[in-house]
Amino acid sequence: MGAYSYTTVVVEPDGATRIGVSLQPDESVSVLCSTGRPRAQISVMHAGADVVIAPTDPECPTAGDVEIARRLAASFERYADEVERLHALNADTRRDTAA
């Protein structure tokens, strides 16, 4: 399956709405996080989907915002570790199959 991104909108019978954004990017993904500016945010853009993560007040984050940012960083680190692990596992499997 190739790289793509999509957004889904689900409206429940009671009117509750849920919006999901799925990114399965390739090398065309753009991730921007400027430093030294008066506001904190990170942006991920791919295939027409733009996701921005920022504190409730990007110019004056709270201690809670710092904790959330740290949790996001830890989750992205675990994600990178899992992608690397699965890549290595599948590389070994491809070599075993080719032999």
Protein backbone atom coordinates (compact mmCIF):
# COMPACT_ATOMS: atom_id res chain seq x y z
CA MET A 1 0.00 0.00 0.00
CA GLY A 2 1.36 3.42 -0.92
CA ALA A 3 1.54 6.58 1.11
CA TYR A 4 -1.64 8.55 1.63
CA SER A 5 -3.53 10.64 4.15
CA TYR A 6 -7.24 10.98 4.78
CA THR A 7 -9.77 12.54 7.12
CA THR A 8 -12.98 10.95 8.35
CA VAL A 9 -15.95 12.67 9.94
CA VAL A 10 -18.44 10.57 11.91
CA VAL A 11 -21.69 12.05 13.17
CA GLU A 12 -23.51 9.84 15.66
CA PRO A 13 -27.32 9.74 15.89
CA ASP A 14 -27.16 11.90 19.02
CA GLY A 15 -25.23 14.57 17.07
CA ALA A 16 -21.83 13.81 18.61
CA THR A 17 -19.12 14.33 16.01
CA ARG A 18 -15.73 12.64 15.78
CA ILE A 19 -13.06 13.70 13.30
CA GLY A 20 -10.08 11.48 12.54
CA VAL A 21 -6.97 12.30 10.53
CA SER A 22 -4.82 9.39 9.37
CA LEU A 23 -1.37 10.04 7.95
CA GLN A 24 0.59 7.32 6.19
CA PRO A 25 3.27 9.56 4.72
CA ASP A 26 6.15 9.12 2.35
CA GLU A 27 9.15 11.39 1.77
CA SER A 28 6.83 14.24 0.75
CA VAL A 29 5.72 14.70 4.39
CA SER A 30 6.62 18.04 5.89
CA VAL A 31 7.19 18.40 9.64
CA LEU A 32 7.92 21.89 10.93
CA CYS A 33 8.74 22.98 14.44
CA SER A 34 10.36 26.39 14.70
CA THR A 35 12.42 27.35 17.72
CA GLY A 36 13.16 30.73 19.25
CA ARG A 37 9.84 32.23 18.14
CA PRO A 38 7.19 33.75 20.41
CA ARG A 39 4.88 30.72 20.07
CA ALA A 40 5.26 26.94 20.32
CA GLN A 41 3.73 24.57 17.77
CA ILE A 42 4.54 21.64 15.52
CA SER A 43 2.96 21.11 12.10
CA VAL A 44 2.72 17.91 10.06
CA MET A 45 1.55 18.24 6.46
CA HIS A 46 0.96 15.47 3.93
CA ALA A 47 -1.36 14.93 0.97
CA GLY A 48 -3.58 17.89 1.78
CA ALA A 49 -3.89 16.98 5.46
CA ASP A 50 -2.47 19.55 7.88
CA VAL A 51 -2.16 18.78 11.58
CA VAL A 52 -1.01 21.45 14.03
CA ILE A 53 -0.30 20.69 17.68
CA ALA A 54 0.06 23.65 20.01
CA PRO A 55 -0.53 24.49 23.67
CA THR A 56 -3.85 26.09 24.57
CA ASP A 57 -1.99 29.39 24.69
CA PRO A 58 0.99 28.92 22.35
CA GLU A 59 2.62 32.12 23.60
CA CYS A 60 2.31 31.31 27.32
CA PRO A 61 2.29 27.52 27.92
CA THR A 62 1.37 26.16 31.34
CA ALA A 63 3.13 23.42 33.33
CA GLY A 64 0.35 21.12 32.07
CA ASP A 65 1.23 22.02 28.48
CA VAL A 66 4.87 21.12 29.18
CA GLU A 67 3.77 17.72 30.52
CA ILE A 68 1.63 17.08 27.43
CA ALA A 69 4.52 18.04 25.14
CA ARG A 70 6.81 15.62 27.00
CA ARG A 71 4.22 12.82 26.69
CA LEU A 72 3.90 13.49 22.96
CA ALA A 73 7.69 13.41 22.58
CA ALA A 74 7.89 10.10 24.46
CA SER A 75 5.12 8.62 22.31
CA PHE A 76 6.85 9.71 19.09
CA GLU A 77 10.10 8.21 20.36
CA ARG A 78 8.33 4.89 21.01
CA TYR A 79 6.73 5.12 17.54
CA ALA A 80 10.17 5.58 15.94
CA ASP A 81 11.51 2.62 17.92
CA GLU A 82 8.59 0.43 16.77
CA VAL A 83 8.99 1.45 13.11
CA GLU A 84 12.71 0.64 13.31
CA ARG A 85 12.00 -2.70 15.01
CA LEU A 86 9.41 -3.74 12.43
CA HIS A 87 11.63 -2.57 9.58
CA ALA A 88 14.48 -4.73 10.87
CA LEU A 89 12.15 -7.70 11.45
CA ASN A 90 10.73 -7.48 7.94
CA ALA A 91 14.18 -6.99 6.41
CA ASP A 92 15.24 -10.27 8.06
CA THR A 93 12.07 -11.99 6.82
CA ARG A 94 12.62 -10.77 3.26
CA ARG A 95 16.20 -12.10 3.33
CA ASP A 96 15.01 -15.47 4.70
CA THR A 97 12.34 -15.77 1.98
CA ALA A 98 14.75 -14.86 -0.82
CA ALA A 99 17.24 -17.56 0.20
